[in-house]
PDB file of N, CA and C in Angstrom:
ATOM      1  N   UNK A   1       2.888   1.289  -7.279  1.00  0.00           N
ATOM      2  CA  UNK A   1       3.420   2.590  -6.981  1.00  0.00           C
ATOM      3  C   UNK A   1       4.685   2.434  -6.136  1.00  0.00           C
ATOM      4  N   UNK A   2       5.672   3.211  -6.406  1.00  0.00           N
ATOM      5  CA  UNK A   2       6.889   3.117  -5.602  1.00  0.00           C
ATOM      6  C   UNK A   2       6.643   3.279  -4.107  1.00  0.00           C
ATOM      7  N   UNK A   3       5.650   4.058  -3.727  1.00  0.00           N
ATOM      8  CA  UNK A   3       5.369   4.250  -2.297  1.00  0.00           C
ATOM      9  C   UNK A   3       5.167   2.919  -1.583  1.00  0.00           C
ATOM     10  N   UNK A   4       4.501   1.999  -2.232  1.00  0.00           N
ATOM     11  CA  UNK A   4       4.250   0.695  -1.621  1.00  0.00           C
ATOM     12  C   UNK A   4       5.574  -0.024  -1.346  1.00  0.00           C
ATOM     13  N   UNK A   5       6.508   0.111  -2.270  1.00  0.00           N
ATOM     14  CA  UNK A   5       7.810  -0.525  -2.065  1.00  0.00           C
ATOM     15  C   UNK A   5       8.571   0.131  -0.922  1.00  0.00           C
ATOM     16  N   UNK A   6       8.480   1.454  -0.795  1.00  0.00           N
ATOM     17  CA  UNK A   6       9.141   2.143   0.322  1.00  0.00           C
ATOM     18  C   UNK A   6       8.584   1.643   1.654  1.00  0.00           C
ATOM     19  N   UNK A   7       7.261   1.569   1.719  1.00  0.00           N
ATOM     20  CA  UNK A   7       6.631   1.137   2.968  1.00  0.00           C
ATOM     21  C   UNK A   7       6.908  -0.331   3.252  1.00  0.00           C
ATOM     22  N   UNK A   8       6.932  -1.156   2.213  1.00  0.00           N
ATOM     23  CA  UNK A   8       7.242  -2.576   2.386  1.00  0.00           C
ATOM     24  C   UNK A   8       8.660  -2.744   2.935  1.00  0.00           C
ATOM     25  N   UNK A   9       9.600  -1.979   2.408  1.00  0.00           N
ATOM     26  CA  UNK A   9      10.980  -2.025   2.898  1.00  0.00           C
ATOM     27  C   UNK A   9      11.033  -1.694   4.389  1.00  0.00           C
ATOM     28  N   UNK A  10      10.298  -0.674   4.784  1.00  0.00           N
ATOM     29  CA  UNK A  10      10.286  -0.265   6.192  1.00  0.00           C
ATOM     30  C   UNK A  10       9.781  -1.399   7.080  1.00  0.00           C
ATOM     31  N   UNK A  11       8.731  -2.084   6.641  1.00  0.00           N
ATOM     32  CA  UNK A  11       8.177  -3.193   7.424  1.00  0.00           C
ATOM     33  C   UNK A  11       9.134  -4.388   7.404  1.00  0.00           C
ATOM     34  N   UNK A  12       9.704  -4.684   6.256  1.00  0.00           N
ATOM     35  CA  UNK A  12      10.628  -5.821   6.144  1.00  0.00           C
ATOM     36  C   UNK A  12      11.817  -5.675   7.066  1.00  0.00           C
ATOM     37  N   UNK A  13      12.373  -4.472   7.141  1.00  0.00           N
ATOM     38  CA  UNK A  13      13.624  -4.272   7.865  1.00  0.00           C
ATOM     39  C   UNK A  13      13.429  -3.833   9.312  1.00  0.00           C
ATOM     40  N   UNK A  14      12.193  -3.569   9.714  1.00  0.00           N
ATOM     41  CA  UNK A  14      11.915  -3.224  11.117  1.00  0.00           C
ATOM     42  C   UNK A  14      11.982  -4.500  11.955  1.00  0.00           C
ATOM     43  N   UNK A  15      12.492  -4.422  13.172  1.00  0.00           N
ATOM     44  CA  UNK A  15      12.562  -5.615  14.038  1.00  0.00           C
ATOM     45  C   UNK A  15      11.182  -6.224  14.288  1.00  0.00           C
ATOM     46  N   UNK A  16      11.146  -7.536  14.453  1.00  0.00           N
ATOM     47  CA  UNK A  16       9.878  -8.226  14.695  1.00  0.00           C
ATOM     48  C   UNK A  16       9.183  -7.705  15.945  1.00  0.00           C
ATOM     49  N   UNK A  17       9.945  -7.346  16.968  1.00  0.00           N
ATOM     50  CA  UNK A  17       9.367  -6.823  18.197  1.00  0.00           C
ATOM     51  C   UNK A  17       8.710  -5.467  18.030  1.00  0.00           C
ATOM     52  N   UNK A  18       8.949  -4.843  16.879  1.00  0.00           N
ATOM     53  CA  UNK A  18       8.363  -3.528  16.593  1.00  0.00           C
ATOM     54  C   UNK A  18       7.395  -3.622  15.416  1.00  0.00           C
ATOM     55  N   UNK A  19       6.709  -4.761  15.299  1.00  0.00           N
ATOM     56  CA  UNK A  19       5.713  -4.993  14.254  1.00  0.00           C
ATOM     57  C   UNK A  19       6.326  -5.032  12.855  1.00  0.00           C
ATOM     58  N   UNK A  20       7.535  -5.562  12.754  1.00  0.00           N
ATOM     59  CA  UNK A  20       8.189  -5.711  11.464  1.00  0.00           C
ATOM     60  C   UNK A  20       8.468  -7.167  11.161  1.00  0.00           C
ATOM     61  N   UNK A  21       9.177  -7.399  10.078  1.00  0.00           N
ATOM     62  CA  UNK A  21       9.512  -8.763   9.671  1.00  0.00           C
ATOM     63  C   UNK A  21      10.934  -9.154  10.047  1.00  0.00           C
ATOM     64  N   UNK A  22      11.742  -8.191  10.468  1.00  0.00           N
ATOM     65  CA  UNK A  22      13.093  -8.487  10.932  1.00  0.00           C
ATOM     66  C   UNK A  22      14.054  -8.983   9.872  1.00  0.00           C
ATOM     67  N   UNK A  23      13.847  -8.621   8.623  1.00  0.00           N
ATOM     68  CA  UNK A  23      14.741  -9.071   7.552  1.00  0.00           C
ATOM     69  C   UNK A  23      16.024  -8.248   7.541  1.00  0.00           C
ATOM     70  N   UNK A  24      17.066  -8.875   7.017  1.00  0.00           N
ATOM     71  CA  UNK A  24      18.297  -8.138   6.746  1.00  0.00           C
ATOM     72  C   UNK A  24      18.077  -7.297   5.491  1.00  0.00           C
ATOM     73  N   UNK A  25      18.986  -6.359   5.244  1.00  0.00           N
ATOM     74  CA  UNK A  25      18.841  -5.572   4.017  1.00  0.00           C
ATOM     75  C   UNK A  25      19.010  -6.448   2.775  1.00  0.00           C
ATOM     76  N   UNK A  26      19.843  -7.463   2.867  1.00  0.00           N
ATOM     77  CA  UNK A  26      20.006  -8.382   1.724  1.00  0.00           C
ATOM     78  C   UNK A  26      18.700  -9.133   1.437  1.00  0.00           C
ATOM     79  N   UNK A  27      18.033  -9.601   2.491  1.00  0.00           N
ATOM     80  CA  UNK A  27      16.751 -10.290   2.309  1.00  0.00           C
ATOM     81  C   UNK A  27      15.699  -9.335   1.740  1.00  0.00           C
ATOM     82  N   UNK A  28      15.660  -8.131   2.273  1.00  0.00           N
ATOM     83  CA  UNK A  28      14.683  -7.149   1.793  1.00  0.00           C
ATOM     84  C   UNK A  28      14.955  -6.776   0.332  1.00  0.00           C
ATOM     85  N   UNK A  29      16.219  -6.686  -0.029  1.00  0.00           N
ATOM     86  CA  UNK A  29      16.579  -6.391  -1.419  1.00  0.00           C
ATOM     87  C   UNK A  29      16.064  -7.476  -2.347  1.00  0.00           C
ATOM     88  N   UNK A  30      16.204  -8.735  -1.939  1.00  0.00           N
ATOM     89  CA  UNK A  30      15.694  -9.855  -2.749  1.00  0.00           C
ATOM     90  C   UNK A  30      14.173  -9.802  -2.865  1.00  0.00           C
ATOM     91  N   UNK A  31      13.500  -9.495  -1.755  1.00  0.00           N
ATOM     92  CA  UNK A  31      12.033  -9.384  -1.776  1.00  0.00           C
ATOM     93  C   UNK A  31      11.584  -8.281  -2.720  1.00  0.00           C
ATOM     94  N   UNK A  32      12.267  -7.137  -2.675  1.00  0.00           N
ATOM     95  CA  UNK A  32      11.931  -6.013  -3.553  1.00  0.00           C
ATOM     96  C   UNK A  32      12.098  -6.393  -5.019  1.00  0.00           C
ATOM     97  N   UNK A  33      13.182  -7.089  -5.326  1.00  0.00           N
ATOM     98  CA  UNK A  33      13.420  -7.520  -6.706  1.00  0.00           C
ATOM     99  C   UNK A  33      12.298  -8.443  -7.188  1.00  0.00           C
ATOM    100  N   UNK A  34      11.853  -9.338  -6.326  1.00  0.00           N
ATOM    101  CA  UNK A  34      10.759 -10.244  -6.672  1.00  0.00           C
ATOM    102  C   UNK A  34       9.476  -9.458  -6.943  1.00  0.00           C
ATOM    103  N   UNK A  35       9.146  -8.537  -6.054  1.00  0.00           N
ATOM    104  CA  UNK A  35       7.924  -7.741  -6.224  1.00  0.00           C
ATOM    105  C   UNK A  35       7.962  -6.916  -7.505  1.00  0.00           C
ATOM    106  N   UNK A  36       9.118  -6.383  -7.831  1.00  0.00           N
ATOM    107  CA  UNK A  36       9.241  -5.574  -9.050  1.00  0.00           C
ATOM    108  C   UNK A  36       9.071  -6.416 -10.308  1.00  0.00           C
ATOM    109  N   UNK A  37       9.385  -7.701 -10.218  1.00  0.00           N
ATOM    110  CA  UNK A  37       9.148  -8.600 -11.355  1.00  0.00           C
ATOM    111  C   UNK A  37       7.677  -8.996 -11.456  1.00  0.00           C
ATOM    112  N   UNK A  38       7.003  -9.088 -10.310  1.00  0.00           N
ATOM    113  CA  UNK A  38       5.620  -9.554 -10.287  1.00  0.00           C
ATOM    114  C   UNK A  38       4.584  -8.482 -10.636  1.00  0.00           C
ATOM    115  N   UNK A  39       4.884  -7.221 -10.320  1.00  0.00           N
ATOM    116  CA  UNK A  39       3.883  -6.175 -10.436  1.00  0.00           C
ATOM    117  C   UNK A  39       4.350  -5.034 -11.327  1.00  0.00           C
ATOM    118  N   UNK A  40       3.393  -4.392 -11.962  1.00  0.00           N
ATOM    119  CA  UNK A  40       3.652  -3.192 -12.749  1.00  0.00           C
ATOM    120  C   UNK A  40       3.735  -2.002 -11.814  1.00  0.00           C
ATOM    121  N   UNK A  41       4.774  -1.186 -11.956  1.00  0.00           N
ATOM    122  CA  UNK A  41       4.901   0.025 -11.156  1.00  0.00           C
ATOM    123  C   UNK A  41       4.391   1.214 -11.953  1.00  0.00           C
ATOM    124  N   UNK A  42       3.500   1.978 -11.346  1.00  0.00           N
ATOM    125  CA  UNK A  42       3.006   3.199 -11.965  1.00  0.00           C
ATOM    126  C   UNK A  42       3.838   4.374 -11.468  1.00  0.00           C
ATOM    127  N   UNK A  43       3.903   5.402 -12.280  1.00  0.00           N
ATOM    128  CA  UNK A  43       4.729   6.567 -11.954  1.00  0.00           C
ATOM    129  C   UNK A  43       4.257   7.274 -10.686  1.00  0.00           C
ATOM    130  N   UNK A  44       5.224   7.725  -9.917  1.00  0.00           N
ATOM    131  CA  UNK A  44       4.996   8.615  -8.786  1.00  0.00           C
ATOM    132  C   UNK A  44       5.060  10.013  -9.378  1.00  0.00           C
ATOM    133  N   UNK A  45       3.947  10.695  -9.495  1.00  0.00           N
ATOM    134  CA  UNK A  45       3.966  11.952 -10.226  1.00  0.00           C
ATOM    135  C   UNK A  45       3.313  13.104  -9.466  1.00  0.00           C
ATOM    136  N   UNK A  46       3.617  14.279  -9.921  1.00  0.00           N
ATOM    137  CA  UNK A  46       3.157  15.515  -9.310  1.00  0.00           C
ATOM    138  C   UNK A  46       1.634  15.615  -9.256  1.00  0.00           C
ATOM    139  N   UNK A  47       0.940  15.055 -10.219  1.00  0.00           N
ATOM    140  CA  UNK A  47      -0.513  15.163 -10.296  1.00  0.00           C
ATOM    141  C   UNK A  47      -1.223  14.452  -9.142  1.00  0.00           C
ATOM    142  N   UNK A  48      -0.496  13.672  -8.367  1.00  0.00           N
ATOM    143  CA  UNK A  48      -1.084  12.980  -7.215  1.00  0.00           C
ATOM    144  C   UNK A  48      -1.370  13.964  -6.083  1.00  0.00           C
ATOM    145  N   UNK A  49      -0.569  15.005  -5.957  1.00  0.00           N
ATOM    146  CA  UNK A  49      -0.687  15.939  -4.836  1.00  0.00           C
ATOM    147  C   UNK A  49      -2.071  16.569  -4.702  1.00  0.00           C
ATOM    148  N   UNK A  50      -2.674  17.139  -5.744  1.00  0.00           N
ATOM    149  CA  UNK A  50      -3.992  17.742  -5.543  1.00  0.00           C
ATOM    150  C   UNK A  50      -5.074  16.725  -5.168  1.00  0.00           C
ATOM    151  N   UNK A  51      -4.947  15.512  -5.661  1.00  0.00           N
ATOM    152  CA  UNK A  51      -5.907  14.459  -5.296  1.00  0.00           C
ATOM    153  C   UNK A  51      -5.737  14.124  -3.823  1.00  0.00           C
ATOM    154  N   UNK A  52      -4.477  13.999  -3.377  1.00  0.00           N
ATOM    155  CA  UNK A  52      -4.189  13.740  -1.967  1.00  0.00           C
ATOM    156  C   UNK A  52      -4.730  14.851  -1.082  1.00  0.00           C
ATOM    157  N   UNK A  53      -4.527  16.093  -1.466  1.00  0.00           N
ATOM    158  CA  UNK A  53      -5.019  17.227  -0.670  1.00  0.00           C
ATOM    159  C   UNK A  53      -6.539  17.172  -0.514  1.00  0.00           C
ATOM    160  N   UNK A  54      -7.226  16.840  -1.585  1.00  0.00           N
ATOM    161  CA  UNK A  54      -8.684  16.716  -1.530  1.00  0.00           C
ATOM    162  C   UNK A  54      -9.098  15.584  -0.588  1.00  0.00           C
ATOM    163  N   UNK A  55      -8.409  14.458  -0.669  1.00  0.00           N
ATOM    164  CA  UNK A  55      -8.754  13.306   0.166  1.00  0.00           C
ATOM    165  C   UNK A  55      -8.539  13.582   1.653  1.00  0.00           C
ATOM    166  N   UNK A  56      -7.382  14.154   2.011  1.00  0.00           N
ATOM    167  CA  UNK A  56      -7.119  14.378   3.441  1.00  0.00           C
ATOM    168  C   UNK A  56      -8.070  15.410   4.031  1.00  0.00           C
ATOM    169  N   UNK A  57      -8.471  16.383   3.219  1.00  0.00           N
ATOM    170  CA  UNK A  57      -9.425  17.382   3.697  1.00  0.00           C
ATOM    171  C   UNK A  57     -10.833  16.804   3.792  1.00  0.00           C
ATOM    172  N   UNK A  58     -11.256  16.127   2.753  1.00  0.00           N
ATOM    173  CA  UNK A  58     -12.624  15.601   2.693  1.00  0.00           C
ATOM    174  C   UNK A  58     -12.884  14.505   3.717  1.00  0.00           C
ATOM    175  N   UNK A  59     -11.862  13.734   4.053  1.00  0.00           N
ATOM    176  CA  UNK A  59     -12.044  12.577   4.940  1.00  0.00           C
ATOM    177  C   UNK A  59     -11.387  12.758   6.311  1.00  0.00           C
ATOM    178  N   UNK A  60     -10.981  13.992   6.626  1.00  0.00           N
ATOM    179  CA  UNK A  60     -10.417  14.315   7.936  1.00  0.00           C
ATOM    180  C   UNK A  60      -9.273  13.368   8.297  1.00  0.00           C
ATOM    181  N   UNK A  61      -8.337  13.173   7.374  1.00  0.00           N
ATOM    182  CA  UNK A  61      -7.225  12.250   7.556  1.00  0.00           C
ATOM    183  C   UNK A  61      -6.110  12.950   8.327  1.00  0.00           C
ATOM    184  N   UNK A  62      -5.590  12.247   9.341  1.00  0.00           N
ATOM    185  CA  UNK A  62      -4.541  12.807  10.197  1.00  0.00           C
ATOM    186  C   UNK A  62      -3.446  11.778  10.449  1.00  0.00           C
ATOM    187  N   UNK A  63      -2.264  12.285  10.819  1.00  0.00           N
ATOM    188  CA  UNK A  63      -1.172  11.423  11.273  1.00  0.00           C
ATOM    189  C   UNK A  63      -0.731  10.396  10.243  1.00  0.00           C
ATOM    190  N   UNK A  64      -0.476   9.182  10.730  1.00  0.00           N
ATOM    191  CA  UNK A  64       0.030   8.110   9.864  1.00  0.00           C
ATOM    192  C   UNK A  64      -0.885   7.796   8.696  1.00  0.00           C
ATOM    193  N   UNK A  65      -2.161   8.015   8.875  1.00  0.00           N
ATOM    194  CA  UNK A  65      -3.113   7.686   7.807  1.00  0.00           C
ATOM    195  C   UNK A  65      -2.937   8.551   6.570  1.00  0.00           C
ATOM    196  N   UNK A  66      -2.146   9.622   6.672  1.00  0.00           N
ATOM    197  CA  UNK A  66      -1.895  10.439   5.484  1.00  0.00           C
ATOM    198  C   UNK A  66      -1.139   9.639   4.420  1.00  0.00           C
ATOM    199  N   UNK A  67      -0.341   8.658   4.856  1.00  0.00           N
ATOM    200  CA  UNK A  67       0.359   7.798   3.893  1.00  0.00           C
ATOM    201  C   UNK A  67      -0.649   6.943   3.120  1.00  0.00           C
ATOM    202  N   UNK A  68      -1.675   6.464   3.814  1.00  0.00           N
ATOM    203  CA  UNK A  68      -2.716   5.679   3.156  1.00  0.00           C
ATOM    204  C   UNK A  68      -3.472   6.543   2.150  1.00  0.00           C
ATOM    205  N   UNK A  69      -3.742   7.782   2.534  1.00  0.00           N
ATOM    206  CA  UNK A  69      -4.441   8.699   1.631  1.00  0.00           C
ATOM    207  C   UNK A  69      -3.604   8.963   0.378  1.00  0.00           C
ATOM    208  N   UNK A  70      -2.295   9.029   0.543  1.00  0.00           N
ATOM    209  CA  UNK A  70      -1.431   9.243  -0.620  1.00  0.00           C
ATOM    210  C   UNK A  70      -1.494   8.052  -1.566  1.00  0.00           C
ATOM    211  N   UNK A  71      -1.549   6.862  -1.003  1.00  0.00           N
ATOM    212  CA  UNK A  71      -1.684   5.672  -1.841  1.00  0.00           C
ATOM    213  C   UNK A  71      -3.013   5.693  -2.590  1.00  0.00           C
ATOM    214  N   UNK A  72      -4.083   6.065  -1.906  1.00  0.00           N
ATOM    215  CA  UNK A  72      -5.401   6.151  -2.552  1.00  0.00           C
ATOM    216  C   UNK A  72      -5.388   7.228  -3.637  1.00  0.00           C
ATOM    217  N   UNK A  73      -4.721   8.338  -3.397  1.00  0.00           N
ATOM    218  CA  UNK A  73      -4.610   9.392  -4.406  1.00  0.00           C
ATOM    219  C   UNK A  73      -3.886   8.880  -5.646  1.00  0.00           C
ATOM    220  N   UNK A  74      -2.810   8.127  -5.431  1.00  0.00           N
ATOM    221  CA  UNK A  74      -2.078   7.556  -6.557  1.00  0.00           C
ATOM    222  C   UNK A  74      -2.942   6.538  -7.301  1.00  0.00           C
ATOM    223  N   UNK A  75      -3.687   5.747  -6.556  1.00  0.00           N
ATOM    224  CA  UNK A  75      -4.599   4.790  -7.189  1.00  0.00           C
ATOM    225  C   UNK A  75      -5.616   5.528  -8.044  1.00  0.00           C
ATOM    226  N   UNK A  76      -6.175   6.590  -7.508  1.00  0.00           N
ATOM    227  CA  UNK A  76      -7.164   7.380  -8.241  1.00  0.00           C
ATOM    228  C   UNK A  76      -6.554   7.957  -9.516  1.00  0.00           C
ATOM    229  N   UNK A  77      -5.375   8.497  -9.396  1.00  0.00           N
ATOM    230  CA  UNK A  77      -4.687   9.103 -10.545  1.00  0.00           C
ATOM    231  C   UNK A  77      -4.443   8.096 -11.658  1.00  0.00           C
ATOM    232  N   UNK A  78      -4.199   6.832 -11.281  1.00  0.00           N
ATOM    233  CA  UNK A  78      -3.904   5.788 -12.265  1.00  0.00           C
ATOM    234  C   UNK A  78      -5.103   4.879 -12.544  1.00  0.00           C
ATOM    235  N   UNK A  79      -6.285   5.312 -12.083  1.00  0.00           N
ATOM    236  CA  UNK A  79      -7.540   4.567 -12.328  1.00  0.00           C
ATOM    237  C   UNK A  79      -7.496   3.136 -11.807  1.00  0.00           C
ATOM    238  N   UNK A  80      -6.977   2.963 -10.597  1.00  0.00           N
ATOM    239  CA  UNK A  80      -6.947   1.651  -9.951  1.00  0.00           C
ATOM    240  C   UNK A  80      -7.972   1.639  -8.825  1.00  0.00           C
ATOM    241  N   UNK A  81      -8.699   0.547  -8.663  1.00  0.00           N
ATOM    242  CA  UNK A  81      -9.715   0.458  -7.619  1.00  0.00           C
ATOM    243  C   UNK A  81      -9.445  -0.621  -6.580  1.00  0.00           C
ATOM    244  N   UNK A  82      -8.566  -1.557  -6.862  1.00  0.00           N
ATOM    245  CA  UNK A  82      -8.352  -2.701  -5.974  1.00  0.00           C
ATOM    246  C   UNK A  82      -7.033  -2.585  -5.228  1.00  0.00           C
ATOM    247  N   UNK A  83      -7.091  -2.921  -3.931  1.00  0.00           N
ATOM    248  CA  UNK A  83      -5.917  -2.809  -3.072  1.00  0.00           C
ATOM    249  C   UNK A  83      -5.780  -4.067  -2.223  1.00  0.00           C
ATOM    250  N   UNK A  84      -4.592  -4.622  -2.197  1.00  0.00           N
ATOM    251  CA  UNK A  84      -4.282  -5.779  -1.356  1.00  0.00           C
ATOM    252  C   UNK A  84      -3.529  -5.272  -0.129  1.00  0.00           C
ATOM    253  N   UNK A  85      -4.070  -5.527   1.064  1.00  0.00           N
ATOM    254  CA  UNK A  85      -3.470  -5.011   2.296  1.00  0.00           C
ATOM    255  C   UNK A  85      -3.892  -5.863   3.487  1.00  0.00           C
ATOM    256  N   UNK A  86      -3.088  -5.802   4.549  1.00  0.00           N
ATOM    257  CA  UNK A  86      -3.481  -6.413   5.816  1.00  0.00           C
ATOM    258  C   UNK A  86      -4.346  -5.447   6.623  1.00  0.00           C
ATOM    259  N   UNK A  87      -4.305  -4.179   6.280  1.00  0.00           N
ATOM    260  CA  UNK A  87      -4.966  -3.128   7.070  1.00  0.00           C
ATOM    261  C   UNK A  87      -6.215  -2.603   6.380  1.00  0.00           C
ATOM    262  N   UNK A  88      -7.213  -3.433   6.256  1.00  0.00           N
ATOM    263  CA  UNK A  88      -8.422  -3.037   5.533  1.00  0.00           C
ATOM    264  C   UNK A  88      -9.117  -1.848   6.178  1.00  0.00           C
ATOM    265  N   UNK A  89      -9.108  -1.764   7.491  1.00  0.00           N
ATOM    266  CA  UNK A  89      -9.813  -0.675   8.167  1.00  0.00           C
ATOM    267  C   UNK A  89      -9.207   0.691   7.843  1.00  0.00           C
ATOM    268  N   UNK A  90      -7.917   0.731   7.510  1.00  0.00           N
ATOM    269  CA  UNK A  90      -7.273   1.999   7.172  1.00  0.00           C
ATOM    270  C   UNK A  90      -7.836   2.624   5.899  1.00  0.00           C
ATOM    271  N   UNK A  91      -8.463   1.825   5.071  1.00  0.00           N
ATOM    272  CA  UNK A  91      -8.934   2.308   3.778  1.00  0.00           C
ATOM    273  C   UNK A  91     -10.462   2.363   3.684  1.00  0.00           C
ATOM    274  N   UNK A  92     -11.157   2.020   4.761  1.00  0.00           N
ATOM    275  CA  UNK A  92     -12.621   1.980   4.750  1.00  0.00           C
ATOM    276  C   UNK A  92     -13.238   3.345   4.469  1.00  0.00           C
ATOM    277  N   UNK A  93     -12.578   4.414   4.843  1.00  0.00           N
ATOM    278  CA  UNK A  93     -13.131   5.765   4.669  1.00  0.00           C
ATOM    279  C   UNK A  93     -13.129   6.229   3.218  1.00  0.00           C
ATOM    280  N   UNK A  94     -12.406   5.547   2.349  1.00  0.00           N
ATOM    281  CA  UNK A  94     -12.259   6.016   0.977  1.00  0.00           C
ATOM    282  C   UNK A  94     -13.204   5.277   0.024  1.00  0.00           C
ATOM    283  N   UNK A  95     -14.208   5.975  -0.482  1.00  0.00           N
ATOM    284  CA  UNK A  95     -15.118   5.318  -1.437  1.00  0.00           C
ATOM    285  C   UNK A  95     -14.392   5.006  -2.745  1.00  0.00           C
ATOM    286  N   UNK A  96     -14.820   3.962  -3.393  1.00  0.00           N
ATOM    287  CA  UNK A  96     -14.235   3.603  -4.677  1.00  0.00           C
ATOM    288  C   UNK A  96     -13.011   2.717  -4.583  1.00  0.00           C
ATOM    289  N   UNK A  97     -12.604   2.376  -3.354  1.00  0.00           N
ATOM    290  CA  UNK A  97     -11.452   1.486  -3.172  1.00  0.00           C
ATOM    291  C   UNK A  97     -11.976   0.143  -2.674  1.00  0.00           C
ATOM    292  N   UNK A  98     -11.717  -0.900  -3.427  1.00  0.00           N
ATOM    293  CA  UNK A  98     -12.086  -2.249  -3.024  1.00  0.00           C
ATOM    294  C   UNK A  98     -10.850  -2.901  -2.417  1.00  0.00           C
ATOM    295  N   UNK A  99     -10.967  -3.279  -1.148  1.00  0.00           N
ATOM    296  CA  UNK A  99      -9.818  -3.774  -0.397  1.00  0.00           C
ATOM    297  C   UNK A  99      -9.915  -5.292  -0.226  1.00  0.00           C
ATOM    298  N   UNK A 100      -8.787  -5.945  -0.437  1.00  0.00           N
ATOM    299  CA  UNK A 100      -8.671  -7.382  -0.240  1.00  0.00           C
ATOM    300  C   UNK A 100      -7.533  -7.653   0.732  1.00  0.00           C
ATOM    301  N   UNK A 101      -7.683  -8.685   1.535  1.00  0.00           N
ATOM    302  CA  UNK A 101      -6.578  -9.149   2.376  1.00  0.00           C
ATOM    303  C   UNK A 101      -5.952 -10.358   1.681  1.00  0.00           C
ATOM    304  N   UNK A 102      -4.710 -10.679   1.995  1.00  0.00           N
ATOM    305  CA  UNK A 102      -4.125 -11.891   1.410  1.00  0.00           C
ATOM    306  C   UNK A 102      -4.970 -13.138   1.699  1.00  0.00           C
ATOM    307  N   UNK A 103      -5.528 -13.238   2.917  1.00  0.00           N
ATOM    308  CA  UNK A 103      -6.365 -14.393   3.249  1.00  0.00           C
ATOM    309  C   UNK A 103      -7.605 -14.465   2.367  1.00  0.00           C
ATOM    310  N   UNK A 104      -8.236 -13.322   2.112  1.00  0.00           N
ATOM    311  CA  UNK A 104      -9.449 -13.340   1.284  1.00  0.00           C
ATOM    312  C   UNK A 104      -9.132 -13.758  -0.150  1.00  0.00           C
ATOM    313  N   UNK A 105      -7.981 -13.368  -0.650  1.00  0.00           N
ATOM    314  CA  UNK A 105      -7.582 -13.762  -1.999  1.00  0.00           C
ATOM    315  C   UNK A 105      -7.318 -15.261  -2.046  1.00  0.00           C
ATOM    316  N   UNK A 106      -6.655 -15.788  -1.027  1.00  0.00           N
ATOM    317  CA  UNK A 106      -6.383 -17.224  -0.994  1.00  0.00           C
ATOM    318  C   UNK A 106      -7.669 -18.038  -0.873  1.00  0.00           C
ATOM    319  N   UNK A 107      -8.639 -17.538  -0.105  1.00  0.00           N
ATOM    320  CA  UNK A 107      -9.909 -18.248   0.045  1.00  0.00           C
ATOM    321  C   UNK A 107     -10.654 -18.320  -1.283  1.00  0.00           C
ATOM    322  N   UNK A 108     -10.662 -17.239  -2.028  1.00  0.00           N
ATOM    323  CA  UNK A 108     -11.342 -17.211  -3.307  1.00  0.00           C
ATOM    324  C   UNK A 108     -10.660 -18.150  -4.294  1.00  0.00           C
ATOM    325  N   UNK A 109      -9.335 -18.210  -4.234  1.00  0.00           N
ATOM    326  CA  UNK A 109      -8.606 -19.071  -5.167  1.00  0.00           C
ATOM    327  C   UNK A 109      -8.606 -20.528  -4.714  1.00  0.00           C
ATOM    328  N   UNK A 110      -9.138 -20.787  -3.499  1.00  0.00           N
ATOM    329  CA  UNK A 110      -9.241 -22.150  -2.996  1.00  0.00           C
ATOM    330  C   UNK A 110      -7.958 -22.716  -2.425  1.00  0.00           C
ATOM    331  N   UNK A 111      -7.020 -21.828  -2.051  1.00  0.00           N
ATOM    332  CA  UNK A 111      -5.740 -22.314  -1.545  1.00  0.00           C
ATOM    333  C   UNK A 111      -5.618 -22.267  -0.038  1.00  0.00           C
ATOM    334  N   UNK A 112      -6.635 -21.886   0.676  1.00  0.00           N
ATOM    335  CA  UNK A 112      -6.447 -21.846   2.136  1.00  0.00           C
ATOM    336  C   UNK A 112      -7.143 -22.978   2.830  1.00  0.00           C
TER     337      UNK A 112
END
């Protein structure tokens, strides 16, 4: 989903002292190009809004977590159940979402 790329850009270009990666825009542009080659992007569409509204109401979602709910709504709309993230606790409230961390994926593949 394009939302993931928007959020990734924000983290890439935010200073390291502010919980970011401190990349230049040129570095972030290269990272984005790589991700777009590696993953299929699903449409950001209007039909996500009613799913998001249901999720934020049903799960009492507030503040920054509304962005996570929007991602879950988009996943639901596109019939996706698996999510790779560093922030597993942010998605624990949403049933039907199976969350993986990069470390857990590497452990399963035997690379860590």
